[in-house]
C-alpha atoms as a PDB file:
ATOM      1  CA  MET A   1    -139.277 -63.437  21.507  1.00  0.00           C
ATOM      2  CA  ASP A   2    -142.857 -63.869  21.540  1.00  0.00           C
ATOM      3  CA  LYS A   3    -145.909 -62.027  20.376  1.00  0.00           C
ATOM      4  CA  LYS A   4    -145.940 -59.903  23.536  1.00  0.00           C
ATOM      5  CA  ASP A   5    -142.423 -59.042  23.283  1.00  0.00           C
ATOM      6  CA  ILE A   6    -142.898 -57.484  19.829  1.00  0.00           C
ATOM      7  CA  LYS A   7    -145.997 -55.605  21.054  1.00  0.00           C
ATOM      8  CA  LEU A   8    -143.880 -54.056  23.772  1.00  0.00           C
ATOM      9  CA  ILE A   9    -141.244 -52.899  21.535  1.00  0.00           C
ATOM     10  CA  SER A  10    -144.006 -51.503  19.319  1.00  0.00           C
ATOM     11  CA  ILE A  11    -145.198 -49.566  22.214  1.00  0.00           C
ATOM     12  CA  LEU A  12    -141.819 -48.399  23.181  1.00  0.00           C
ATOM     13  CA  THR A  13    -140.869 -47.218  19.787  1.00  0.00           C
ATOM     14  CA  GLU A  14    -144.036 -44.745  20.054  1.00  0.00           C
ATOM     15  CA  ASP A  15    -143.353 -43.808  23.579  1.00  0.00           C
ATOM     16  CA  ALA A  16    -140.504 -45.093  25.584  1.00  0.00           C
ATOM     17  CA  ARG A  17    -141.365 -42.855  28.570  1.00  0.00           C
ATOM     18  CA  LYS A  18    -144.341 -45.008  29.251  1.00  0.00           C
ATOM     19  CA  THR A  19    -144.329 -46.310  32.714  1.00  0.00           C
ATOM     20  CA  LEU A  20    -144.315 -50.004  33.556  1.00  0.00           C
ATOM     21  CA  GLN A  21    -147.695 -49.988  34.879  1.00  0.00           C
ATOM     22  CA  GLU A  22    -148.977 -48.213  31.925  1.00  0.00           C
ATOM     23  CA  LEU A  23    -147.107 -51.007  29.851  1.00  0.00           C
ATOM     24  CA  ALA A  24    -148.593 -53.843  32.105  1.00  0.00           C
ATOM     25  CA  ASP A  25    -151.836 -52.642  32.021  1.00  0.00           C
ATOM     26  CA  GLU A  26    -151.857 -52.263  28.065  1.00  0.00           C
ATOM     27  CA  LEU A  27    -150.353 -55.765  27.588  1.00  0.00           C
ATOM     28  CA  GLY A  28    -152.187 -57.502  30.267  1.00  0.00           C
ATOM     29  CA  LEU A  29    -149.022 -58.372  32.137  1.00  0.00           C
ATOM     30  CA  SER A  30    -147.864 -57.922  35.719  1.00  0.00           C
ATOM     31  CA  VAL A  31    -145.432 -55.051  36.339  1.00  0.00           C
ATOM     32  CA  SER A  32    -142.595 -57.376  37.069  1.00  0.00           C
ATOM     33  CA  SER A  33    -143.253 -59.443  33.996  1.00  0.00           C
ATOM     34  CA  ILE A  34    -142.680 -56.154  31.855  1.00  0.00           C
ATOM     35  CA  HIS A  35    -139.752 -55.288  33.663  1.00  0.00           C
ATOM     36  CA  LYS A  36    -138.031 -58.710  32.940  1.00  0.00           C
ATOM     37  CA  ARG A  37    -139.250 -58.434  29.304  1.00  0.00           C
ATOM     38  CA  ILE A  38    -137.594 -55.148  28.906  1.00  0.00           C
ATOM     39  CA  ARG A  39    -133.985 -56.167  30.601  1.00  0.00           C
ATOM     40  CA  LYS A  40    -134.270 -58.938  28.196  1.00  0.00           C
ATOM     41  CA  LEU A  41    -134.907 -57.202  25.179  1.00  0.00           C
ATOM     42  CA  GLU A  42    -132.392 -54.858  26.205  1.00  0.00           C
ATOM     43  CA  LYS A  43    -129.661 -57.229  26.125  1.00  0.00           C
ATOM     44  CA  GLU A  44    -131.252 -58.791  22.952  1.00  0.00           C
ATOM     45  CA  VAL A  45    -132.526 -55.888  20.423  1.00  0.00           C
ATOM     46  CA  ILE A  46    -132.954 -52.727  22.060  1.00  0.00           C
ATOM     47  CA  GLU A  47    -129.925 -50.776  21.077  1.00  0.00           C
ATOM     48  CA  ARG A  48    -130.537 -47.335  23.133  1.00  0.00           C
ATOM     49  CA  TYR A  49    -133.488 -44.961  23.879  1.00  0.00           C
ATOM     50  CA  THR A  50    -133.295 -41.456  22.339  1.00  0.00           C
ATOM     51  CA  VAL A  51    -135.068 -38.480  21.857  1.00  0.00           C
ATOM     52  CA  MET A  52    -136.363 -37.639  18.238  1.00  0.00           C
ATOM     53  CA  LEU A  53    -136.204 -34.209  17.200  1.00  0.00           C
ATOM     54  CA  ASN A  54    -137.820 -32.062  14.858  1.00  0.00           C
ATOM     55  CA  PRO A  55    -134.694 -30.877  12.374  1.00  0.00           C
ATOM     56  CA  GLU A  56    -136.751 -27.935  10.891  1.00  0.00           C
ATOM     57  CA  LYS A  57    -136.969 -26.430  14.383  1.00  0.00           C
ATOM     58  CA  PHE A  58    -133.107 -26.346  14.371  1.00  0.00           C
ATOM     59  CA  ASN A  59    -133.081 -25.044  10.510  1.00  0.00           C
ATOM     60  CA  GLN A  60    -131.421 -28.102   9.385  1.00  0.00           C
ATOM     61  CA  ILE A  61    -131.312 -29.236   5.848  1.00  0.00           C
ATOM     62  CA  THR A  62    -131.425 -32.946   5.306  1.00  0.00           C
ATOM     63  CA  ALA A  63    -129.176 -34.406   2.579  1.00  0.00           C
ATOM     64  CA  PHE A  64    -128.984 -38.019   1.160  1.00  0.00           C
ATOM     65  CA  LEU A  65    -125.688 -38.862  -0.735  1.00  0.00           C
ATOM     66  CA  LEU A  66    -125.305 -42.115  -2.831  1.00  0.00           C
ATOM     67  CA  LEU A  67    -121.555 -43.087  -2.613  1.00  0.00           C
ATOM     68  CA  SER A  68    -119.384 -45.342  -4.917  1.00  0.00           C
ATOM     69  CA  ALA A  69    -116.113 -46.672  -3.618  1.00  0.00           C
ATOM     70  CA  ARG A  70    -113.218 -48.976  -4.757  1.00  0.00           C
ATOM     71  CA  ASP A  71    -112.426 -50.498  -1.523  1.00  0.00           C
ATOM     72  CA  PRO A  72    -116.074 -50.205   0.187  1.00  0.00           C
ATOM     73  CA  LYS A  73    -114.986 -52.234   3.642  1.00  0.00           C
ATOM     74  CA  ARG A  74    -112.063 -49.647   4.219  1.00  0.00           C
ATOM     75  CA  ILE A  75    -114.178 -46.684   2.890  1.00  0.00           C
ATOM     76  CA  ALA A  76    -117.129 -47.756   5.423  1.00  0.00           C
ATOM     77  CA  GLU A  77    -114.713 -47.396   8.289  1.00  0.00           C
ATOM     78  CA  GLU A  78    -113.757 -44.018   7.612  1.00  0.00           C
ATOM     79  CA  LEU A  79    -117.229 -42.912   7.145  1.00  0.00           C
ATOM     80  CA  LYS A  80    -118.385 -44.382  10.374  1.00  0.00           C
ATOM     81  CA  GLY A  81    -115.954 -41.699  11.851  1.00  0.00           C
ATOM     82  CA  ILE A  82    -117.358 -38.769  10.388  1.00  0.00           C
ATOM     83  CA  PRO A  83    -119.931 -37.176  13.133  1.00  0.00           C
ATOM     84  CA  GLN A  84    -122.037 -35.218  10.475  1.00  0.00           C
ATOM     85  CA  ILE A  85    -123.073 -38.772   8.865  1.00  0.00           C
ATOM     86  CA  ILE A  86    -126.231 -39.807  10.930  1.00  0.00           C
ATOM     87  CA  GLU A  87    -127.054 -42.925   8.888  1.00  0.00           C
ATOM     88  CA  LEU A  88    -124.959 -44.983   6.775  1.00  0.00           C
ATOM     89  CA  TYR A  89    -126.216 -48.042   4.804  1.00  0.00           C
ATOM     90  CA  GLN A  90    -124.377 -50.331   2.559  1.00  0.00           C
ATOM     91  CA  THR A  91    -126.343 -50.956  -0.822  1.00  0.00           C
ATOM     92  CA  PHE A  92    -126.321 -53.189  -3.774  1.00  0.00           C
ATOM     93  CA  GLY A  93    -126.322 -51.521  -7.132  1.00  0.00           C
ATOM     94  CA  ASN A  94    -124.433 -48.603  -8.824  1.00  0.00           C
ATOM     95  CA  PHE A  95    -123.668 -47.052  -5.385  1.00  0.00           C
ATOM     96  CA  ASN A  96    -121.900 -48.781  -2.286  1.00  0.00           C
ATOM     97  CA  PHE A  97    -123.550 -46.538   0.261  1.00  0.00           C
ATOM     98  CA  ILE A  98    -126.482 -44.361   1.167  1.00  0.00           C
ATOM     99  CA  LEU A  99    -125.824 -41.909   3.885  1.00  0.00           C
ATOM    100  CA  LYS A 100    -127.830 -39.351   5.502  1.00  0.00           C
ATOM    101  CA  THR A 101    -126.583 -35.940   6.938  1.00  0.00           C
ATOM    102  CA  ARG A 102    -128.091 -32.702   8.198  1.00  0.00           C
ATOM    103  CA  GLY A 103    -126.568 -29.147   8.152  1.00  0.00           C
ATOM    104  CA  GLY A 104    -127.597 -25.713   8.916  1.00  0.00           C
ATOM    105  CA  SER A 105    -126.968 -24.543   5.002  1.00  0.00           C
ATOM    106  CA  ILE A 106    -126.418 -25.540   1.761  1.00  0.00           C
ATOM    107  CA  GLU A 107    -122.747 -24.586   2.193  1.00  0.00           C
ATOM    108  CA  GLU A 108    -122.420 -27.011   5.084  1.00  0.00           C
ATOM    109  CA  ILE A 109    -124.014 -30.112   3.124  1.00  0.00           C
ATOM    110  CA  SER A 110    -121.683 -28.797   0.381  1.00  0.00           C
ATOM    111  CA  GLU A 111    -118.446 -28.875   2.960  1.00  0.00           C
ATOM    112  CA  ILE A 112    -119.719 -32.296   4.103  1.00  0.00           C
ATOM    113  CA  THR A 113    -119.917 -33.652   0.489  1.00  0.00           C
ATOM    114  CA  ASN A 114    -116.384 -32.249  -0.375  1.00  0.00           C
ATOM    115  CA  LYS A 115    -115.197 -34.090   2.805  1.00  0.00           C
ATOM    116  CA  ILE A 116    -116.475 -37.507   1.759  1.00  0.00           C
ATOM    117  CA  SER A 117    -115.689 -36.781  -1.910  1.00  0.00           C
ATOM    118  CA  SER A 118    -112.114 -36.165  -1.007  1.00  0.00           C
ATOM    119  CA  ILE A 119    -111.520 -39.703   0.816  1.00  0.00           C
ATOM    120  CA  ASP A 120    -108.980 -41.724  -1.104  1.00  0.00           C
ATOM    121  CA  GLY A 121    -110.988 -44.490  -3.079  1.00  0.00           C
ATOM    122  CA  VAL A 122    -114.199 -42.550  -3.182  1.00  0.00           C
ATOM    123  CA  GLU A 123    -115.193 -42.753  -6.894  1.00  0.00           C
ATOM    124  CA  MET A 124    -118.357 -40.627  -7.232  1.00  0.00           C
ATOM    125  CA  VAL A 125    -120.549 -39.150  -4.687  1.00  0.00           C
ATOM    126  CA  GLU A 126    -124.204 -37.918  -5.744  1.00  0.00           C
ATOM    127  CA  CYS A 127    -125.946 -35.551  -2.874  1.00  0.00           C
ATOM    128  CA  ILE A 128    -129.812 -35.256  -3.023  1.00  0.00           C
ATOM    129  CA  VAL A 129    -131.072 -32.522  -0.841  1.00  0.00           C
ATOM    130  CA  ALA A 130    -134.558 -32.765   0.809  1.00  0.00           C
ATOM    131  CA  THR A 131    -136.744 -29.899   0.351  1.00  0.00           C
ATOM    132  CA  LYS A 132    -139.354 -30.922   2.986  1.00  0.00           C
ATOM    133  CA  ARG A 133    -139.499 -34.015   5.346  1.00  0.00           C
ATOM    134  CA  LEU A 134    -143.035 -35.534   5.048  1.00  0.00           C
ATOM    135  CA  LYS A 135    -142.354 -38.569   7.233  1.00  0.00           C
ATOM    136  CA  GLU A 136    -139.659 -39.779   9.618  1.00  0.00           C
ATOM    137  CA  ALA A 137    -140.420 -42.476  12.243  1.00  0.00           C
ATOM    138  CA  PRO A 138    -138.601 -45.200  14.033  1.00  0.00           C
ATOM    139  CA  TRP A 139    -138.576 -48.721  12.444  1.00  0.00           C
ATOM    140  CA  LYS A 140    -140.659 -51.277  14.640  1.00  0.00           C
ATOM    141  CA  PRO A 141    -141.323 -54.810  13.750  1.00  0.00           C
ATOM    142  CA  GLU A 142    -145.188 -55.715  12.773  1.00  0.00           C
ATOM    143  CA  VAL A 143    -147.382 -56.566  15.383  1.00  0.00           C
ATOM    144  CA  ARG A 144    -149.601 -59.730  14.840  1.00  0.00           C
ATOM    145  CA  LEU A 145    -151.940 -60.487  17.855  1.00  0.00           C
END
C-alpha cells in the first residue's frame, strides 16, 4: 500500500459514492488504475461500504457499556451474537470490554443492559448514556503526501 492508496482510502471514507473518474482526477491517475487499486484495497483492507445514519433522526439513544467478565473469550463470542451491540472492543484495565448500543428509549437501553448483565460469567456492567452526539466519523489513516 502506497501513499496514493492511503489518499484513495481517505477520499472513499469521506464519500464512497465518488465516481472512478472523480477519484482519478483527484489523485492524478487513470480510471483503470483507480479501479485496480480499489479492487486490491477491497481484498486487503476495505471491509464493506455502508451508509452513516443520524441516530437522532430515528430518536435513538446511544449508550456505552463497560463490562467485566470471568471468561472474556467465551463472553466475547456471546456478545458478538447480540444484534443490539453495534460496536464491541476488548480492552485492558478494570473492564474487559467496551460496547456501544442504541435504543429508542431508556427502557430499551435498560433491557439491553440487563440482558448483557444476565450472561453467565459477566461480573459487572456499567452503563453510560450519551446525552448528545458531538462527533461521529469513520476512521481513516493519516494522509501524508
